[in-house]
Amino acid sequence: MEKPTDTVNPGDRLKPNESVEEKVEETAVEYADVTGQIAEVPEYVEVEDENGEKKALHHVEDAEELSDVIRQARVDKDGDRKWW
């Protein structure tokens, strides 16, 4: 029997003992949108730090760092932010 959690969504639970590869395979939420297409929210997102080391950022716990990664991805080689 699964233990009760203190989160509404079981996909919001942290999994500190799993490897990066195991974490990024997890899905936090899967649902059909209004068009019937399946939408998935990953539990962890794999990113590379400035040393080239891979790490898994949790979609809730690490939301601020994930936002920073997304902002960096939208900066061109001159450091100008590009919105598309």
PDB file of N, CA and C in Angstrom:
ATOM      1  N   MET A   1       0.841  -1.182   0.000  1.00  0.00           N
ATOM      2  CA  MET A   1       0.000   0.000   0.000  1.00  0.00           C
ATOM      3  C   MET A   1       0.883   1.241   0.000  1.00  0.00           C
ATOM      4  N   GLU A   2       0.538   2.210  -0.838  1.00  0.00           N
ATOM      5  CA  GLU A   2       1.316   3.436  -0.941  1.00  0.00           C
ATOM      6  C   GLU A   2       1.073   4.318   0.280  1.00  0.00           C
ATOM      7  N   LYS A   3       2.162   4.910   0.774  1.00  0.00           N
ATOM      8  CA  LYS A   3       2.045   5.792   1.934  1.00  0.00           C
ATOM      9  C   LYS A   3       1.415   7.113   1.511  1.00  0.00           C
ATOM     10  N   PRO A   4       0.601   7.712   2.395  1.00  0.00           N
ATOM     11  CA  PRO A   4       0.033   9.030   2.076  1.00  0.00           C
ATOM     12  C   PRO A   4       1.154  10.052   1.924  1.00  0.00           C
ATOM     13  N   THR A   5       0.923  11.021   1.079  1.00  0.00           N
ATOM     14  CA  THR A   5       1.923  12.075   0.868  1.00  0.00           C
ATOM     15  C   THR A   5       1.358  13.403   1.329  1.00  0.00           C
ATOM     16  N   ASP A   6       2.229  14.356   1.499  1.00  0.00           N
ATOM     17  CA  ASP A   6       1.772  15.687   1.874  1.00  0.00           C
ATOM     18  C   ASP A   6       1.637  16.588   0.649  1.00  0.00           C
ATOM     19  N   THR A   7       1.601  15.994  -0.537  1.00  0.00           N
ATOM     20  CA  THR A   7       1.390  16.765  -1.759  1.00  0.00           C
ATOM     21  C   THR A   7       0.078  16.331  -2.402  1.00  0.00           C
ATOM     22  N   VAL A   8      -0.518  17.226  -3.119  1.00  0.00           N
ATOM     23  CA  VAL A   8      -1.758  16.900  -3.825  1.00  0.00           C
ATOM     24  C   VAL A   8      -1.454  15.950  -4.973  1.00  0.00           C
ATOM     25  N   ASN A   9      -0.371  16.195  -5.655  1.00  0.00           N
ATOM     26  CA  ASN A   9       0.006  15.419  -6.819  1.00  0.00           C
ATOM     27  C   ASN A   9       1.192  14.525  -6.469  1.00  0.00           C
ATOM     28  N   PRO A  10       1.082  13.208  -6.595  1.00  0.00           N
ATOM     29  CA  PRO A  10       2.219  12.336  -6.288  1.00  0.00           C
ATOM     30  C   PRO A  10       3.470  12.678  -7.099  1.00  0.00           C
ATOM     31  N   GLY A  11       3.315  13.276  -8.282  1.00  0.00           N
ATOM     32  CA  GLY A  11       4.461  13.670  -9.099  1.00  0.00           C
ATOM     33  C   GLY A  11       5.238  14.831  -8.513  1.00  0.00           C
ATOM     34  N   ASP A  12       4.703  15.466  -7.475  1.00  0.00           N
ATOM     35  CA  ASP A  12       5.410  16.579  -6.838  1.00  0.00           C
ATOM     36  C   ASP A  12       6.395  16.108  -5.772  1.00  0.00           C
ATOM     37  N   ARG A  13       6.376  14.821  -5.437  1.00  0.00           N
ATOM     38  CA  ARG A  13       7.292  14.294  -4.424  1.00  0.00           C
ATOM     39  C   ARG A  13       8.719  14.291  -4.952  1.00  0.00           C
ATOM     40  N   LEU A  14       9.661  14.631  -4.088  1.00  0.00           N
ATOM     41  CA  LEU A  14      11.082  14.603  -4.443  1.00  0.00           C
ATOM     42  C   LEU A  14      11.595  13.173  -4.364  1.00  0.00           C
ATOM     43  N   LYS A  15      12.549  12.849  -5.217  1.00  0.00           N
ATOM     44  CA  LYS A  15      13.144  11.516  -5.236  1.00  0.00           C
ATOM     45  C   LYS A  15      14.661  11.647  -5.170  1.00  0.00           C
ATOM     46  N   PRO A  16      15.197  11.953  -3.989  1.00  0.00           N
ATOM     47  CA  PRO A  16      16.619  12.245  -3.867  1.00  0.00           C
ATOM     48  C   PRO A  16      17.537  11.056  -4.137  1.00  0.00           C
ATOM     49  N   ASN A  17      17.053   9.829  -4.027  1.00  0.00           N
ATOM     50  CA  ASN A  17      17.918   8.660  -4.187  1.00  0.00           C
ATOM     51  C   ASN A  17      17.988   8.133  -5.609  1.00  0.00           C
ATOM     52  N   GLU A  18      17.266   8.730  -6.526  1.00  0.00           N
ATOM     53  CA  GLU A  18      17.303   8.289  -7.912  1.00  0.00           C
ATOM     54  C   GLU A  18      18.409   9.012  -8.676  1.00  0.00           C
ATOM     55  N   SER A  19      18.916   8.367  -9.715  1.00  0.00           N
ATOM     56  CA  SER A  19      19.924   8.990 -10.575  1.00  0.00           C
ATOM     57  C   SER A  19      19.260  10.044 -11.451  1.00  0.00           C
ATOM     58  N   VAL A  20      20.066  10.892 -12.067  1.00  0.00           N
ATOM     59  CA  VAL A  20      19.548  11.912 -12.983  1.00  0.00           C
ATOM     60  C   VAL A  20      18.750  11.232 -14.096  1.00  0.00           C
ATOM     61  N   GLU A  21      19.285  10.142 -14.634  1.00  0.00           N
ATOM     62  CA  GLU A  21      18.623   9.442 -15.725  1.00  0.00           C
ATOM     63  C   GLU A  21      17.258   8.914 -15.294  1.00  0.00           C
ATOM     64  N   GLU A  22      17.168   8.374 -14.065  1.00  0.00           N
ATOM     65  CA  GLU A  22      15.894   7.863 -13.572  1.00  0.00           C
ATOM     66  C   GLU A  22      14.898   9.002 -13.346  1.00  0.00           C
ATOM     67  N   LYS A  23      15.383  10.102 -12.796  1.00  0.00           N
ATOM     68  CA  LYS A  23      14.505  11.228 -12.489  1.00  0.00           C
ATOM     69  C   LYS A  23      13.856  11.816 -13.737  1.00  0.00           C
ATOM     70  N   VAL A  24      14.632  11.988 -14.802  1.00  0.00           N
ATOM     71  CA  VAL A  24      14.099  12.661 -15.989  1.00  0.00           C
ATOM     72  C   VAL A  24      13.117  11.786 -16.765  1.00  0.00           C
ATOM     73  N   GLU A  25      13.029  10.509 -16.436  1.00  0.00           N
ATOM     74  CA  GLU A  25      12.063   9.620 -17.069  1.00  0.00           C
ATOM     75  C   GLU A  25      10.678   9.727 -16.423  1.00  0.00           C
ATOM     76  N   GLU A  26      10.591  10.356 -15.254  1.00  0.00           N
ATOM     77  CA  GLU A  26       9.345  10.435 -14.501  1.00  0.00           C
ATOM     78  C   GLU A  26       8.412  11.517 -15.057  1.00  0.00           C
ATOM     79  N   THR A  27       7.116  11.251 -15.012  1.00  0.00           N
ATOM     80  CA  THR A  27       6.111  12.221 -15.425  1.00  0.00           C
ATOM     81  C   THR A  27       5.343  12.664 -14.189  1.00  0.00           C
ATOM     82  N   ALA A  28       5.236  13.966 -13.980  1.00  0.00           N
ATOM     83  CA  ALA A  28       4.507  14.492 -12.822  1.00  0.00           C
ATOM     84  C   ALA A  28       3.006  14.452 -13.069  1.00  0.00           C
ATOM     85  N   VAL A  29       2.595  14.911 -14.245  1.00  0.00           N
ATOM     86  CA  VAL A  29       1.178  14.976 -14.588  1.00  0.00           C
ATOM     87  C   VAL A  29       1.021  14.630 -16.056  1.00  0.00           C
ATOM     88  N   GLU A  30       0.012  13.843 -16.357  1.00  0.00           N
ATOM     89  CA  GLU A  30      -0.334  13.536 -17.746  1.00  0.00           C
ATOM     90  C   GLU A  30      -1.844  13.685 -17.864  1.00  0.00           C
ATOM     91  N   TYR A  31      -2.280  14.462 -18.848  1.00  0.00           N
ATOM     92  CA  TYR A  31      -3.714  14.705 -18.989  1.00  0.00           C
ATOM     93  C   TYR A  31      -4.029  15.028 -20.442  1.00  0.00           C
ATOM     94  N   ALA A  32      -5.293  14.917 -20.787  1.00  0.00           N
ATOM     95  CA  ALA A  32      -5.735  15.289 -22.130  1.00  0.00           C
ATOM     96  C   ALA A  32      -6.210  16.743 -22.078  1.00  0.00           C
ATOM     97  N   ASP A  33      -5.692  17.558 -23.002  1.00  0.00           N
ATOM     98  CA  ASP A  33      -6.133  18.953 -23.031  1.00  0.00           C
ATOM     99  C   ASP A  33      -7.494  19.041 -23.740  1.00  0.00           C
ATOM    100  N   VAL A  34      -7.983  20.248 -23.948  1.00  0.00           N
ATOM    101  CA  VAL A  34      -9.326  20.427 -24.528  1.00  0.00           C
ATOM    102  C   VAL A  34      -9.438  19.875 -25.950  1.00  0.00           C
ATOM    103  N   THR A  35      -8.305  19.737 -26.642  1.00  0.00           N
ATOM    104  CA  THR A  35      -8.336  19.182 -27.996  1.00  0.00           C
ATOM    105  C   THR A  35      -8.205  17.667 -27.999  1.00  0.00           C
ATOM    106  N   GLY A  36      -7.979  17.085 -26.807  1.00  0.00           N
ATOM    107  CA  GLY A  36      -7.818  15.643 -26.710  1.00  0.00           C
ATOM    108  C   GLY A  36      -6.379  15.186 -26.801  1.00  0.00           C
ATOM    109  N   GLN A  37      -5.456  16.117 -27.057  1.00  0.00           N
ATOM    110  CA  GLN A  37      -4.049  15.756 -27.119  1.00  0.00           C
ATOM    111  C   GLN A  37      -3.509  15.547 -25.711  1.00  0.00           C
ATOM    112  N   ILE A  38      -2.625  14.577 -25.581  1.00  0.00           N
ATOM    113  CA  ILE A  38      -2.037  14.279 -24.277  1.00  0.00           C
ATOM    114  C   ILE A  38      -0.923  15.285 -23.986  1.00  0.00           C
ATOM    115  N   ALA A  39      -1.006  15.909 -22.819  1.00  0.00           N
ATOM    116  CA  ALA A  39       0.028  16.837 -22.354  1.00  0.00           C
ATOM    117  C   ALA A  39       0.721  16.199 -21.163  1.00  0.00           C
ATOM    118  N   GLU A  40       2.040  16.273 -21.129  1.00  0.00           N
ATOM    119  CA  GLU A  40       2.822  15.719 -20.030  1.00  0.00           C
ATOM    120  C   GLU A  40       3.663  16.805 -19.385  1.00  0.00           C
ATOM    121  N   VAL A  41       3.701  16.793 -18.069  1.00  0.00           N
ATOM    122  CA  VAL A  41       4.585  17.680 -17.312  1.00  0.00           C
ATOM    123  C   VAL A  41       5.653  16.781 -16.709  1.00  0.00           C
ATOM    124  N   PRO A  42       6.918  16.982 -17.085  1.00  0.00           N
ATOM    125  CA  PRO A  42       7.966  16.134 -16.520  1.00  0.00           C
ATOM    126  C   PRO A  42       8.171  16.443 -15.039  1.00  0.00           C
ATOM    127  N   GLU A  43       8.506  15.409 -14.291  1.00  0.00           N
ATOM    128  CA  GLU A  43       8.760  15.605 -12.869  1.00  0.00           C
ATOM    129  C   GLU A  43      10.089  16.330 -12.662  1.00  0.00           C
ATOM    130  N   TYR A  44      11.080  15.943 -13.424  1.00  0.00           N
ATOM    131  CA  TYR A  44      12.406  16.569 -13.369  1.00  0.00           C
ATOM    132  C   TYR A  44      12.821  16.959 -14.785  1.00  0.00           C
ATOM    133  N   VAL A  45      13.601  18.025 -14.903  1.00  0.00           N
ATOM    134  CA  VAL A  45      14.133  18.472 -16.185  1.00  0.00           C
ATOM    135  C   VAL A  45      15.651  18.400 -16.092  1.00  0.00           C
ATOM    136  N   GLU A  46      16.256  17.747 -17.071  1.00  0.00           N
ATOM    137  CA  GLU A  46      17.713  17.606 -17.072  1.00  0.00           C
ATOM    138  C   GLU A  46      18.351  18.867 -17.650  1.00  0.00           C
ATOM    139  N   VAL A  47      19.320  19.409 -16.924  1.00  0.00           N
ATOM    140  CA  VAL A  47      20.073  20.569 -17.389  1.00  0.00           C
ATOM    141  C   VAL A  47      21.559  20.308 -17.152  1.00  0.00           C
ATOM    142  N   GLU A  48      22.381  21.094 -17.815  1.00  0.00           N
ATOM    143  CA  GLU A  48      23.821  21.010 -17.636  1.00  0.00           C
ATOM    144  C   GLU A  48      24.287  22.278 -16.961  1.00  0.00           C
ATOM    145  N   ASP A  49      25.123  22.140 -15.920  1.00  0.00           N
ATOM    146  CA  ASP A  49      25.634  23.343 -15.265  1.00  0.00           C
ATOM    147  C   ASP A  49      26.836  23.875 -16.028  1.00  0.00           C
ATOM    148  N   GLU A  50      27.423  24.958 -15.529  1.00  0.00           N
ATOM    149  CA  GLU A  50      28.530  25.600 -16.251  1.00  0.00           C
ATOM    150  C   GLU A  50      29.775  24.724 -16.350  1.00  0.00           C
ATOM    151  N   ASN A  51      29.861  23.649 -15.548  1.00  0.00           N
ATOM    152  CA  ASN A  51      30.988  22.710 -15.606  1.00  0.00           C
ATOM    153  C   ASN A  51      30.696  21.521 -16.505  1.00  0.00           C
ATOM    154  N   GLY A  52      29.526  21.505 -17.136  1.00  0.00           N
ATOM    155  CA  GLY A  52      29.145  20.408 -18.010  1.00  0.00           C
ATOM    156  C   GLY A  52      28.542  19.225 -17.273  1.00  0.00           C
ATOM    157  N   GLU A  53      28.342  19.364 -15.960  1.00  0.00           N
ATOM    158  CA  GLU A  53      27.750  18.285 -15.168  1.00  0.00           C
ATOM    159  C   GLU A  53      26.236  18.312 -15.311  1.00  0.00           C
ATOM    160  N   LYS A  54      25.653  17.138 -15.550  1.00  0.00           N
ATOM    161  CA  LYS A  54      24.205  17.059 -15.707  1.00  0.00           C
ATOM    162  C   LYS A  54      23.544  16.946 -14.340  1.00  0.00           C
ATOM    163  N   LYS A  55      22.406  17.631 -14.209  1.00  0.00           N
ATOM    164  CA  LYS A  55      21.631  17.506 -12.983  1.00  0.00           C
ATOM    165  C   LYS A  55      20.153  17.570 -13.342  1.00  0.00           C
ATOM    166  N   ALA A  56      19.333  17.075 -12.424  1.00  0.00           N
ATOM    167  CA  ALA A  56      17.888  17.045 -12.641  1.00  0.00           C
ATOM    168  C   ALA A  56      17.245  18.080 -11.731  1.00  0.00           C
ATOM    169  N   LEU A  57      16.499  19.017 -12.322  1.00  0.00           N
ATOM    170  CA  LEU A  57      15.805  20.044 -11.550  1.00  0.00           C
ATOM    171  C   LEU A  57      14.333  19.650 -11.431  1.00  0.00           C
ATOM    172  N   HIS A  58      13.827  19.662 -10.205  1.00  0.00           N
ATOM    173  CA  HIS A  58      12.435  19.295  -9.946  1.00  0.00           C
ATOM    174  C   HIS A  58      11.514  20.421 -10.405  1.00  0.00           C
ATOM    175  N   HIS A  59      10.401  20.073 -11.045  1.00  0.00           N
ATOM    176  CA  HIS A  59       9.513  21.074 -11.647  1.00  0.00           C
ATOM    177  C   HIS A  59       8.894  22.023 -10.628  1.00  0.00           C
ATOM    178  N   VAL A  60       8.823  21.649  -9.347  1.00  0.00           N
ATOM    179  CA  VAL A  60       8.283  22.527  -8.310  1.00  0.00           C
ATOM    180  C   VAL A  60       9.404  23.068  -7.428  1.00  0.00           C
ATOM    181  N   GLU A  61      10.167  22.164  -6.841  1.00  0.00           N
ATOM    182  CA  GLU A  61      11.223  22.533  -5.891  1.00  0.00           C
ATOM    183  C   GLU A  61      12.256  23.474  -6.515  1.00  0.00           C
ATOM    184  N   ASP A  62      12.607  23.262  -7.770  1.00  0.00           N
ATOM    185  CA  ASP A  62      13.652  24.037  -8.448  1.00  0.00           C
ATOM    186  C   ASP A  62      13.085  24.987  -9.498  1.00  0.00           C
ATOM    187  N   ALA A  63      11.841  25.407  -9.329  1.00  0.00           N
ATOM    188  CA  ALA A  63      11.168  26.245 -10.336  1.00  0.00           C
ATOM    189  C   ALA A  63      11.928  27.528 -10.639  1.00  0.00           C
ATOM    190  N   GLU A  64      12.483  28.159  -9.624  1.00  0.00           N
ATOM    191  CA  GLU A  64      13.216  29.414  -9.859  1.00  0.00           C
ATOM    192  C   GLU A  64      14.463  29.173 -10.705  1.00  0.00           C
ATOM    193  N   GLU A  65      15.204  28.111 -10.395  1.00  0.00           N
ATOM    194  CA  GLU A  65      16.397  27.799 -11.186  1.00  0.00           C
ATOM    195  C   GLU A  65      16.019  27.405 -12.611  1.00  0.00           C
ATOM    196  N   LEU A  66      14.911  26.672 -12.780  1.00  0.00           N
ATOM    197  CA  LEU A  66      14.441  26.332 -14.118  1.00  0.00           C
ATOM    198  C   LEU A  66      14.103  27.592 -14.913  1.00  0.00           C
ATOM    199  N   SER A  67      13.482  28.566 -14.261  1.00  0.00           N
ATOM    200  CA  SER A  67      13.174  29.836 -14.929  1.00  0.00           C
ATOM    201  C   SER A  67      14.450  30.532 -15.380  1.00  0.00           C
ATOM    202  N   ASP A  68      15.481  30.492 -14.540  1.00  0.00           N
ATOM    203  CA  ASP A  68      16.765  31.092 -14.905  1.00  0.00           C
ATOM    204  C   ASP A  68      17.362  30.400 -16.126  1.00  0.00           C
ATOM    205  N   VAL A  69      17.278  29.081 -16.176  1.00  0.00           N
ATOM    206  CA  VAL A  69      17.805  28.322 -17.318  1.00  0.00           C
ATOM    207  C   VAL A  69      17.067  28.713 -18.588  1.00  0.00           C
ATOM    208  N   ILE A  70      15.753  28.835 -18.497  1.00  0.00           N
ATOM    209  CA  ILE A  70      14.955  29.218 -19.669  1.00  0.00           C
ATOM    210  C   ILE A  70      15.329  30.615 -20.139  1.00  0.00           C
ATOM    211  N   ARG A  71      15.498  31.549 -19.196  1.00  0.00           N
ATOM    212  CA  ARG A  71      15.891  32.912 -19.584  1.00  0.00           C
ATOM    213  C   ARG A  71      17.249  32.921 -20.273  1.00  0.00           C
ATOM    214  N   GLN A  72      18.192  32.126 -19.775  1.00  0.00           N
ATOM    215  CA  GLN A  72      19.518  32.065 -20.386  1.00  0.00           C
ATOM    216  C   GLN A  72      19.441  31.516 -21.803  1.00  0.00           C
ATOM    217  N   ALA A  73      18.542  30.589 -22.031  1.00  0.00           N
ATOM    218  CA  ALA A  73      18.404  29.997 -23.355  1.00  0.00           C
ATOM    219  C   ALA A  73      17.876  31.005 -24.363  1.00  0.00           C
ATOM    220  N   ARG A  74      17.284  32.070 -23.882  1.00  0.00           N
ATOM    221  CA  ARG A  74      16.709  33.072 -24.766  1.00  0.00           C
ATOM    222  C   ARG A  74      17.610  34.296 -24.926  1.00  0.00           C
ATOM    223  N   VAL A  75      18.876  34.146 -24.620  1.00  0.00           N
ATOM    224  CA  VAL A  75      19.825  35.241 -24.760  1.00  0.00           C
ATOM    225  C   VAL A  75      20.753  34.902 -25.922  1.00  0.00           C
ATOM    226  N   ASP A  76      20.945  35.857 -26.841  1.00  0.00           N
ATOM    227  CA  ASP A  76      21.815  35.595 -27.979  1.00  0.00           C
ATOM    228  C   ASP A  76      23.279  35.739 -27.590  1.00  0.00           C
ATOM    229  N   LYS A  77      24.178  35.542 -28.555  1.00  0.00           N
ATOM    230  CA  LYS A  77      25.619  35.553 -28.271  1.00  0.00           C
ATOM    231  C   LYS A  77      26.110  36.904 -27.768  1.00  0.00           C
ATOM    232  N   ASP A  78      25.361  37.984 -28.032  1.00  0.00           N
ATOM    233  CA  ASP A  78      25.746  39.311 -27.539  1.00  0.00           C
ATOM    234  C   ASP A  78      25.148  39.612 -26.174  1.00  0.00           C
ATOM    235  N   GLY A  79      24.408  38.670 -25.632  1.00  0.00           N
ATOM    236  CA  GLY A  79      23.798  38.881 -24.317  1.00  0.00           C
ATOM    237  C   GLY A  79      22.458  39.582 -24.382  1.00  0.00           C
ATOM    238  N   ASP A  80      21.921  39.764 -25.589  1.00  0.00           N
ATOM    239  CA  ASP A  80      20.619  40.406 -25.743  1.00  0.00           C
ATOM    240  C   ASP A  80      19.515  39.376 -25.644  1.00  0.00           C
ATOM    241  N   ARG A  81      18.514  39.654 -24.844  1.00  0.00           N
ATOM    242  CA  ARG A  81      17.389  38.730 -24.696  1.00  0.00           C
ATOM    243  C   ARG A  81      16.522  38.774 -25.944  1.00  0.00           C
ATOM    244  N   LYS A  82      16.204  37.600 -26.452  1.00  0.00           N
ATOM    245  CA  LYS A  82      15.350  37.471 -27.628  1.00  0.00           C
ATOM    246  C   LYS A  82      14.086  36.738 -27.211  1.00  0.00           C
ATOM    247  N   TRP A  83      12.935  37.283 -27.547  1.00  0.00           N
ATOM    248  CA  TRP A  83      11.663  36.635 -27.259  1.00  0.00           C
ATOM    249  C   TRP A  83      11.059  36.163 -28.561  1.00  0.00           C
ATOM    250  N   TRP A  84      10.759  34.879 -28.644  1.00  0.00           N
ATOM    251  CA  TRP A  84      10.112  34.363 -29.846  1.00  0.00           C
ATOM    252  C   TRP A  84       8.869  33.660 -29.502  1.00  0.00           C
TER     253      TRP A  84
END
